[in-house]
N, C-alpha and C. Protein backbone atom coordinates (compact mmCIF):
# COMPACT_ATOMS: atom_id res chain seq x y z
N MET A 1 -1.02 43.66 16.16
CA MET A 1 -1.12 42.60 15.19
C MET A 1 -0.47 43.06 13.88
N PRO A 2 0.40 42.22 13.25
CA PRO A 2 1.07 42.64 12.03
C PRO A 2 0.08 42.87 10.89
N ARG A 3 0.42 43.87 10.09
CA ARG A 3 -0.41 44.21 8.95
C ARG A 3 -0.08 43.30 7.78
N ALA A 4 -1.08 42.78 7.12
CA ALA A 4 -0.87 41.91 5.95
C ALA A 4 -0.43 42.76 4.77
N VAL A 5 0.52 42.25 4.00
CA VAL A 5 1.01 42.94 2.81
C VAL A 5 0.27 42.38 1.61
N LYS A 6 -0.34 43.27 0.85
CA LYS A 6 -0.99 42.85 -0.39
C LYS A 6 0.08 42.86 -1.47
N PHE A 7 0.24 41.73 -2.16
CA PHE A 7 1.29 41.62 -3.17
C PHE A 7 1.14 42.65 -4.28
N ALA A 8 -0.08 43.02 -4.59
CA ALA A 8 -0.31 43.98 -5.67
C ALA A 8 0.19 45.37 -5.30
N THR A 9 0.36 45.67 -3.99
CA THR A 9 0.80 47.01 -3.59
C THR A 9 2.31 47.14 -3.48
N VAL A 10 3.04 46.05 -3.59
CA VAL A 10 4.50 46.11 -3.49
C VAL A 10 5.05 46.50 -4.87
N PRO A 11 5.86 47.58 -4.93
CA PRO A 11 6.40 48.02 -6.22
C PRO A 11 7.20 46.92 -6.91
N PRO A 12 7.07 46.81 -8.24
CA PRO A 12 7.76 45.75 -8.99
C PRO A 12 9.26 45.73 -8.80
N MET A 13 9.90 46.92 -8.69
CA MET A 13 11.36 46.96 -8.52
C MET A 13 11.77 46.32 -7.20
N ARG A 14 10.94 46.44 -6.18
CA ARG A 14 11.27 45.82 -4.90
C ARG A 14 11.31 44.30 -5.05
N TRP A 15 10.39 43.76 -5.84
CA TRP A 15 10.40 42.31 -6.09
C TRP A 15 11.67 41.92 -6.84
N PHE A 16 12.10 42.79 -7.76
CA PHE A 16 13.34 42.50 -8.49
C PHE A 16 14.52 42.39 -7.52
N TYR A 17 14.63 43.32 -6.58
CA TYR A 17 15.74 43.29 -5.62
C TYR A 17 15.69 42.03 -4.76
N VAL A 18 14.51 41.69 -4.29
CA VAL A 18 14.37 40.49 -3.47
C VAL A 18 14.77 39.26 -4.27
N ALA A 19 14.27 39.17 -5.51
CA ALA A 19 14.60 38.02 -6.35
C ALA A 19 16.10 37.97 -6.64
N ALA A 20 16.70 39.13 -6.90
CA ALA A 20 18.15 39.17 -7.19
C ALA A 20 18.95 38.74 -5.97
N LEU A 21 18.55 39.20 -4.80
CA LEU A 21 19.27 38.82 -3.58
C LEU A 21 19.16 37.32 -3.33
N VAL A 22 17.97 36.77 -3.51
CA VAL A 22 17.78 35.33 -3.32
C VAL A 22 18.59 34.56 -4.34
N ALA A 23 18.51 34.97 -5.61
CA ALA A 23 19.25 34.27 -6.66
C ALA A 23 20.75 34.36 -6.44
N ALA A 24 21.23 35.52 -6.05
CA ALA A 24 22.67 35.68 -5.82
C ALA A 24 23.13 34.81 -4.67
N GLY A 25 22.31 34.69 -3.66
CA GLY A 25 22.67 33.87 -2.51
C GLY A 25 22.68 32.39 -2.83
N CYS A 26 21.95 31.98 -3.85
CA CYS A 26 21.85 30.57 -4.21
C CYS A 26 22.77 30.19 -5.36
N SER A 27 23.40 31.15 -5.97
CA SER A 27 24.17 30.88 -7.18
C SER A 27 25.61 30.50 -6.86
N ASN A 28 26.14 29.58 -7.62
CA ASN A 28 27.56 29.22 -7.52
C ASN A 28 28.37 29.86 -8.62
N SER A 29 27.70 30.44 -9.60
CA SER A 29 28.40 30.94 -10.78
C SER A 29 28.48 32.46 -10.81
N GLY A 30 28.37 33.13 -9.70
CA GLY A 30 28.29 34.58 -9.65
C GLY A 30 29.39 35.29 -10.40
N THR A 31 29.20 36.59 -10.59
CA THR A 31 30.17 37.38 -11.33
C THR A 31 31.33 37.84 -10.47
N SER A 32 31.22 37.74 -9.17
CA SER A 32 32.33 38.18 -8.32
C SER A 32 33.44 37.15 -8.35
N VAL A 33 34.64 37.62 -8.66
CA VAL A 33 35.75 36.70 -8.82
C VAL A 33 36.75 36.79 -7.68
N ASN A 34 36.80 37.90 -6.98
CA ASN A 34 37.71 38.06 -5.87
C ASN A 34 37.05 37.61 -4.57
N GLY A 35 36.79 36.34 -4.45
CA GLY A 35 36.14 35.84 -3.26
C GLY A 35 34.65 36.07 -3.31
N ASP A 36 34.00 35.97 -2.16
CA ASP A 36 32.57 36.16 -2.08
C ASP A 36 32.26 37.60 -1.75
N ALA A 37 31.97 38.39 -2.76
CA ALA A 37 31.69 39.81 -2.56
C ALA A 37 30.25 40.04 -2.15
N GLY A 38 29.43 39.02 -2.23
CA GLY A 38 28.06 39.14 -1.75
C GLY A 38 27.07 39.54 -2.80
N ALA A 39 25.82 39.60 -2.34
CA ALA A 39 24.69 39.88 -3.23
C ALA A 39 24.76 41.28 -3.81
N LEU A 40 25.25 42.25 -3.06
CA LEU A 40 25.31 43.61 -3.57
C LEU A 40 26.18 43.69 -4.81
N ALA A 41 27.31 42.99 -4.82
CA ALA A 41 28.19 42.97 -6.00
C ALA A 41 27.49 42.28 -7.18
N GLU A 42 26.73 41.25 -6.90
CA GLU A 42 26.00 40.55 -7.96
C GLU A 42 24.99 41.50 -8.61
N ILE A 43 24.30 42.27 -7.80
CA ILE A 43 23.35 43.25 -8.33
C ILE A 43 24.11 44.32 -9.10
N GLY A 44 25.25 44.75 -8.57
CA GLY A 44 26.07 45.75 -9.25
C GLY A 44 26.50 45.30 -10.64
N ALA A 45 26.79 44.01 -10.80
CA ALA A 45 27.17 43.48 -12.12
C ALA A 45 26.04 43.69 -13.12
N HIS A 46 24.82 43.50 -12.67
CA HIS A 46 23.66 43.71 -13.56
C HIS A 46 23.52 45.18 -13.93
N TYR A 47 23.72 46.07 -12.96
CA TYR A 47 23.65 47.51 -13.25
C TYR A 47 24.73 47.92 -14.24
N VAL A 48 25.94 47.40 -14.08
CA VAL A 48 27.04 47.73 -14.98
C VAL A 48 26.69 47.31 -16.41
N GLU A 49 26.09 46.15 -16.55
CA GLU A 49 25.66 45.69 -17.88
C GLU A 49 24.56 46.59 -18.43
N GLN A 50 23.57 46.91 -17.61
CA GLN A 50 22.46 47.76 -18.04
C GLN A 50 22.94 49.13 -18.47
N ARG A 51 23.91 49.68 -17.79
CA ARG A 51 24.43 51.01 -18.12
C ARG A 51 25.37 50.98 -19.32
N GLY A 52 25.79 49.79 -19.75
CA GLY A 52 26.64 49.67 -20.93
C GLY A 52 28.11 49.97 -20.68
N CYS A 53 28.57 49.90 -19.45
CA CYS A 53 29.96 50.23 -19.13
C CYS A 53 30.98 49.42 -19.93
N PRO A 54 30.77 48.10 -20.12
CA PRO A 54 31.76 47.32 -20.87
C PRO A 54 31.92 47.77 -22.33
N MET A 55 30.92 48.43 -22.88
CA MET A 55 31.02 48.87 -24.28
C MET A 55 32.25 49.75 -24.48
N CYS A 56 32.61 50.54 -23.50
CA CYS A 56 33.77 51.41 -23.61
C CYS A 56 34.95 50.93 -22.76
N HIS A 57 34.67 50.52 -21.53
CA HIS A 57 35.73 50.21 -20.56
C HIS A 57 36.29 48.80 -20.67
N GLN A 58 35.91 48.09 -21.70
CA GLN A 58 36.43 46.72 -21.87
C GLN A 58 36.74 46.48 -23.34
N ALA A 59 38.03 46.38 -23.66
CA ALA A 59 38.45 46.10 -25.03
C ALA A 59 38.16 44.64 -25.36
N LYS A 60 37.92 44.37 -26.62
CA LYS A 60 37.68 42.99 -27.05
C LYS A 60 38.84 42.09 -26.64
N GLY A 61 38.51 40.97 -26.03
CA GLY A 61 39.52 40.00 -25.62
C GLY A 61 40.28 40.36 -24.35
N MET A 62 39.91 41.45 -23.72
CA MET A 62 40.62 41.88 -22.51
C MET A 62 39.81 41.53 -21.26
N SER A 63 40.42 41.68 -20.11
CA SER A 63 39.76 41.39 -18.84
C SER A 63 38.61 42.35 -18.58
N THR A 64 37.71 41.91 -17.74
CA THR A 64 36.52 42.68 -17.40
C THR A 64 36.85 44.08 -16.92
N LEU A 65 36.37 45.08 -17.65
CA LEU A 65 36.47 46.50 -17.30
C LEU A 65 37.89 46.98 -17.01
N SER A 66 38.88 46.40 -17.70
CA SER A 66 40.27 46.78 -17.49
C SER A 66 40.70 47.95 -18.37
N GLY A 67 39.74 48.64 -18.97
CA GLY A 67 40.05 49.82 -19.77
C GLY A 67 40.21 49.50 -21.24
N ASN A 68 40.47 50.55 -22.01
CA ASN A 68 40.59 50.39 -23.45
C ASN A 68 41.66 51.35 -23.96
N ALA A 69 42.68 50.80 -24.60
CA ALA A 69 43.77 51.61 -25.14
C ALA A 69 43.39 52.24 -26.48
N LEU A 70 42.18 51.92 -26.96
CA LEU A 70 41.66 52.57 -28.16
C LEU A 70 40.71 53.67 -27.74
N ALA A 71 40.88 54.85 -28.31
CA ALA A 71 40.02 55.98 -27.95
C ALA A 71 38.60 55.75 -28.43
N VAL A 72 37.65 56.35 -27.73
CA VAL A 72 36.27 56.34 -28.18
C VAL A 72 36.26 56.98 -29.57
N GLU A 73 35.55 56.39 -30.49
CA GLU A 73 35.58 56.82 -31.89
C GLU A 73 35.37 58.33 -32.03
N GLY A 74 36.27 58.96 -32.78
CA GLY A 74 36.19 60.39 -33.04
C GLY A 74 36.69 61.28 -31.91
N THR A 75 37.34 60.68 -30.90
CA THR A 75 37.82 61.46 -29.75
C THR A 75 39.22 61.02 -29.38
N PHE A 76 39.76 61.68 -28.37
CA PHE A 76 40.99 61.24 -27.72
C PHE A 76 40.68 60.85 -26.27
N ALA A 77 39.48 60.31 -26.06
CA ALA A 77 39.04 59.86 -24.74
C ALA A 77 39.28 58.36 -24.64
N TYR A 78 40.12 57.98 -23.71
CA TYR A 78 40.47 56.58 -23.50
C TYR A 78 39.78 56.07 -22.24
N PRO A 79 38.83 55.14 -22.38
CA PRO A 79 38.11 54.63 -21.20
C PRO A 79 39.06 53.95 -20.23
N GLY A 80 39.01 54.38 -18.98
CA GLY A 80 39.94 53.93 -17.96
C GLY A 80 39.71 52.53 -17.44
N ASN A 81 40.72 52.05 -16.73
CA ASN A 81 40.72 50.75 -16.07
C ASN A 81 39.88 50.88 -14.80
N LEU A 82 38.81 50.12 -14.69
CA LEU A 82 37.93 50.19 -13.53
C LEU A 82 38.16 49.06 -12.54
N THR A 83 39.23 48.30 -12.71
CA THR A 83 39.53 47.23 -11.76
C THR A 83 40.22 47.82 -10.53
N PRO A 84 40.31 47.04 -9.46
CA PRO A 84 40.91 47.56 -8.22
C PRO A 84 42.44 47.68 -8.23
N ASP A 85 43.06 47.66 -9.40
CA ASP A 85 44.51 47.84 -9.46
C ASP A 85 44.87 49.22 -8.91
N ARG A 86 45.80 49.27 -7.98
CA ARG A 86 46.14 50.54 -7.32
C ARG A 86 47.02 51.43 -8.19
N THR A 87 47.68 50.87 -9.19
CA THR A 87 48.57 51.66 -10.04
C THR A 87 47.85 52.22 -11.26
N THR A 88 47.11 51.37 -11.97
CA THR A 88 46.49 51.81 -13.22
C THR A 88 44.96 51.80 -13.18
N GLY A 89 44.38 51.37 -12.08
CA GLY A 89 42.93 51.30 -11.96
C GLY A 89 42.40 52.22 -10.88
N ILE A 90 41.28 51.84 -10.29
CA ILE A 90 40.63 52.67 -9.28
C ILE A 90 40.80 52.11 -7.87
N GLY A 91 41.81 51.27 -7.68
CA GLY A 91 42.04 50.66 -6.38
C GLY A 91 42.37 51.64 -5.27
N GLY A 92 42.91 52.79 -5.61
CA GLY A 92 43.24 53.79 -4.60
C GLY A 92 42.14 54.81 -4.38
N TRP A 93 41.04 54.67 -5.10
CA TRP A 93 39.94 55.61 -4.99
C TRP A 93 39.03 55.23 -3.82
N ALA A 94 38.50 56.21 -3.13
CA ALA A 94 37.48 55.98 -2.11
C ALA A 94 36.16 55.69 -2.81
N ASP A 95 35.27 54.99 -2.13
CA ASP A 95 33.96 54.69 -2.70
C ASP A 95 33.25 55.96 -3.16
N ALA A 96 33.32 57.00 -2.35
CA ALA A 96 32.66 58.27 -2.70
C ALA A 96 33.24 58.87 -3.97
N GLN A 97 34.55 58.69 -4.21
CA GLN A 97 35.17 59.21 -5.43
C GLN A 97 34.67 58.45 -6.66
N ILE A 98 34.50 57.14 -6.53
CA ILE A 98 33.99 56.34 -7.64
C ILE A 98 32.56 56.78 -7.95
N ILE A 99 31.75 56.93 -6.93
CA ILE A 99 30.36 57.34 -7.13
C ILE A 99 30.29 58.74 -7.75
N ARG A 100 31.17 59.62 -7.32
CA ARG A 100 31.20 60.98 -7.88
C ARG A 100 31.58 60.95 -9.36
N ALA A 101 32.51 60.09 -9.72
CA ALA A 101 32.88 59.97 -11.13
C ALA A 101 31.71 59.46 -11.96
N ILE A 102 31.00 58.48 -11.45
CA ILE A 102 29.86 57.91 -12.18
C ILE A 102 28.73 58.94 -12.29
N ARG A 103 28.42 59.59 -11.21
CA ARG A 103 27.28 60.51 -11.20
C ARG A 103 27.58 61.85 -11.86
N TYR A 104 28.75 62.43 -11.56
CA TYR A 104 28.99 63.82 -11.95
C TYR A 104 30.19 64.03 -12.87
N GLY A 105 30.98 62.98 -13.13
CA GLY A 105 32.06 63.10 -14.09
C GLY A 105 33.32 63.78 -13.59
N PHE A 106 33.68 63.53 -12.33
CA PHE A 106 34.94 64.06 -11.80
C PHE A 106 35.78 62.90 -11.26
N ASP A 107 37.09 62.93 -11.57
CA ASP A 107 37.96 61.83 -11.14
C ASP A 107 38.44 62.03 -9.70
N ASP A 108 39.36 61.18 -9.27
CA ASP A 108 39.85 61.22 -7.89
C ASP A 108 40.69 62.45 -7.58
N GLU A 109 41.09 63.20 -8.61
CA GLU A 109 41.85 64.44 -8.41
C GLU A 109 41.00 65.67 -8.70
N ASN A 110 39.69 65.48 -8.72
CA ASN A 110 38.71 66.54 -8.99
C ASN A 110 38.83 67.13 -10.39
N GLN A 111 39.39 66.37 -11.32
CA GLN A 111 39.47 66.80 -12.71
C GLN A 111 38.24 66.26 -13.44
N GLU A 112 37.67 67.07 -14.30
CA GLU A 112 36.48 66.65 -15.04
C GLU A 112 36.84 65.56 -16.05
N LEU A 113 36.00 64.54 -16.12
CA LEU A 113 36.18 63.49 -17.12
C LEU A 113 35.72 64.02 -18.47
N CYS A 114 36.18 63.40 -19.54
CA CYS A 114 35.77 63.82 -20.88
C CYS A 114 34.25 63.70 -21.02
N PRO A 115 33.65 64.57 -21.82
CA PRO A 115 32.20 64.55 -22.01
C PRO A 115 31.67 63.25 -22.61
N THR A 116 32.53 62.44 -23.21
CA THR A 116 32.06 61.16 -23.75
C THR A 116 31.63 60.21 -22.64
N MET A 117 32.12 60.44 -21.41
CA MET A 117 31.70 59.64 -20.27
C MET A 117 30.34 60.16 -19.82
N PRO A 118 29.30 59.30 -19.91
CA PRO A 118 27.98 59.77 -19.48
C PRO A 118 27.97 60.10 -17.99
N ARG A 119 27.12 61.02 -17.63
CA ARG A 119 26.91 61.38 -16.22
C ARG A 119 25.58 60.77 -15.81
N PHE A 120 25.58 60.07 -14.70
CA PHE A 120 24.37 59.41 -14.22
C PHE A 120 23.92 60.08 -12.91
N ASP A 121 23.67 61.39 -12.99
CA ASP A 121 23.35 62.15 -11.78
C ASP A 121 22.03 61.74 -11.13
N GLY A 122 21.18 61.03 -11.82
CA GLY A 122 19.94 60.55 -11.25
C GLY A 122 20.05 59.18 -10.61
N MET A 123 21.25 58.61 -10.61
CA MET A 123 21.46 57.27 -10.05
C MET A 123 21.25 57.28 -8.55
N GLY A 124 20.47 56.32 -8.07
CA GLY A 124 20.21 56.22 -6.63
C GLY A 124 21.39 55.63 -5.87
N ASP A 125 21.33 55.79 -4.56
CA ASP A 125 22.41 55.31 -3.70
C ASP A 125 22.59 53.80 -3.76
N THR A 126 21.48 53.05 -3.81
CA THR A 126 21.58 51.59 -3.84
C THR A 126 22.31 51.12 -5.08
N GLU A 127 21.95 51.68 -6.24
CA GLU A 127 22.62 51.31 -7.48
C GLU A 127 24.09 51.69 -7.44
N ALA A 128 24.39 52.91 -6.99
CA ALA A 128 25.78 53.37 -6.94
C ALA A 128 26.62 52.48 -6.04
N GLN A 129 26.10 52.14 -4.87
CA GLN A 129 26.84 51.29 -3.93
C GLN A 129 27.00 49.88 -4.48
N ALA A 130 26.01 49.39 -5.20
CA ALA A 130 26.10 48.05 -5.80
C ALA A 130 27.17 48.03 -6.89
N ILE A 131 27.24 49.08 -7.69
CA ILE A 131 28.26 49.15 -8.74
C ILE A 131 29.66 49.21 -8.11
N VAL A 132 29.82 50.00 -7.06
CA VAL A 132 31.12 50.06 -6.38
C VAL A 132 31.48 48.68 -5.83
N ALA A 133 30.54 48.00 -5.22
CA ALA A 133 30.81 46.66 -4.68
C ALA A 133 31.25 45.71 -5.79
N TYR A 134 30.60 45.80 -6.94
CA TYR A 134 30.98 44.95 -8.07
C TYR A 134 32.38 45.30 -8.56
N LEU A 135 32.67 46.58 -8.75
CA LEU A 135 34.00 46.98 -9.23
C LEU A 135 35.08 46.52 -8.26
N ARG A 136 34.82 46.61 -6.97
CA ARG A 136 35.78 46.16 -5.96
C ARG A 136 35.97 44.64 -5.99
N SER A 137 34.96 43.91 -6.49
CA SER A 137 35.04 42.45 -6.52
C SER A 137 35.83 41.92 -7.72
N LEU A 138 36.09 42.77 -8.71
CA LEU A 138 36.81 42.34 -9.91
C LEU A 138 38.25 42.00 -9.58
N PRO A 139 38.85 41.10 -10.35
CA PRO A 139 40.28 40.86 -10.15
C PRO A 139 41.06 42.11 -10.57
N SER A 140 42.10 42.41 -9.84
CA SER A 140 42.94 43.55 -10.14
C SER A 140 43.74 43.27 -11.41
N VAL A 141 43.67 44.19 -12.37
CA VAL A 141 44.38 44.04 -13.64
C VAL A 141 45.21 45.29 -13.88
N THR A 142 46.52 45.12 -14.10
CA THR A 142 47.37 46.24 -14.46
C THR A 142 47.20 46.46 -15.95
N SER A 143 46.68 47.61 -16.32
CA SER A 143 46.38 47.91 -17.71
C SER A 143 46.65 49.39 -17.95
N LYS A 144 47.78 49.70 -18.55
CA LYS A 144 48.16 51.09 -18.80
C LYS A 144 47.35 51.62 -19.97
N ILE A 145 46.55 52.63 -19.68
CA ILE A 145 45.68 53.25 -20.67
C ILE A 145 46.23 54.66 -20.93
N PRO A 146 46.29 55.09 -22.22
CA PRO A 146 46.77 56.45 -22.49
C PRO A 146 45.92 57.49 -21.77
N GLU A 147 46.53 58.62 -21.48
CA GLU A 147 45.83 59.74 -20.84
C GLU A 147 44.84 60.34 -21.85
N SER A 148 43.62 60.55 -21.42
CA SER A 148 42.61 61.17 -22.29
C SER A 148 42.83 62.66 -22.36
N TYR A 149 42.44 63.24 -23.48
CA TYR A 149 42.34 64.68 -23.56
C TYR A 149 41.17 65.03 -24.44
N CYS A 150 40.48 66.05 -24.03
CA CYS A 150 39.26 66.47 -24.72
C CYS A 150 39.04 67.95 -24.46
N PRO A 151 39.72 68.79 -25.26
CA PRO A 151 39.59 70.23 -25.07
C PRO A 151 38.12 70.64 -25.13
N PRO A 152 37.70 71.61 -24.38
CA PRO A 152 38.49 72.41 -23.45
C PRO A 152 38.59 71.79 -22.06
N VAL A 153 37.91 70.66 -21.82
CA VAL A 153 37.90 70.06 -20.48
C VAL A 153 39.28 69.59 -20.08
N LYS A 154 39.92 68.80 -20.91
CA LYS A 154 41.27 68.31 -20.64
C LYS A 154 42.13 68.72 -21.84
N PRO A 155 43.12 69.58 -21.62
CA PRO A 155 43.96 70.01 -22.74
C PRO A 155 44.84 68.87 -23.24
N PRO A 156 45.32 68.98 -24.48
CA PRO A 156 46.23 67.95 -25.00
C PRO A 156 47.52 67.94 -24.22
N PRO A 157 48.25 66.80 -24.25
CA PRO A 157 49.53 66.74 -23.54
C PRO A 157 50.53 67.74 -24.12
N GLY A 158 51.54 68.06 -23.31
CA GLY A 158 52.56 69.01 -23.75
C GLY A 158 53.29 68.53 -25.00
N PRO A 159 54.13 69.41 -25.61
CA PRO A 159 54.79 69.08 -26.88
C PRO A 159 55.78 67.92 -26.76
N ASP A 160 56.24 67.58 -25.56
CA ASP A 160 57.18 66.47 -25.43
C ASP A 160 56.47 65.12 -25.33
N MET A 161 55.15 65.12 -25.29
CA MET A 161 54.39 63.87 -25.17
C MET A 161 53.99 63.39 -26.57
N ALA A 162 53.96 62.09 -26.75
CA ALA A 162 53.55 61.52 -28.03
C ALA A 162 52.04 61.74 -28.23
N MET A 163 51.66 62.17 -29.40
CA MET A 163 50.25 62.37 -29.72
C MET A 163 49.75 61.17 -30.50
N PRO A 164 48.66 60.54 -30.04
CA PRO A 164 48.13 59.40 -30.78
C PRO A 164 47.55 59.85 -32.12
N ASP A 165 47.63 58.96 -33.10
CA ASP A 165 47.06 59.25 -34.43
C ASP A 165 45.57 59.00 -34.40
N MET A 166 44.84 59.76 -35.17
CA MET A 166 43.39 59.53 -35.31
C MET A 166 43.09 59.01 -36.66
């Protein structure tokens, strides 16, 4: 005989996920723009907002998470293009590489990201996979962002490269 579930014993976050999945399935106005990316992408959009990703990775008046050609204040760290563009974004990255960058601060070439990029090493698998699903659902935007440098992690470009003014 099935065991009855007492509503008071179900963790509140589980109710949030159920409600989000139901709402995403019923919504016509979802945040996924590249077709129907599903409920996981809808949840990922909420996580991206909660984590504050657009504060750095989205310039005013620019497309969603297409990067920022202005350095983070007081640094030479330029927030990258997180859209699925294969040339200037993360379209060529594997899901595991995106999750590694978010959690531990390493890019697709195993280079450390600037310290201004927060590390979310406590992020659970569900949240990480939802964020990846959301990023994959964004429209691809070609957005050339300057190369970041943040000594000693990333040295400045060679003498033949233009140095941005601070």
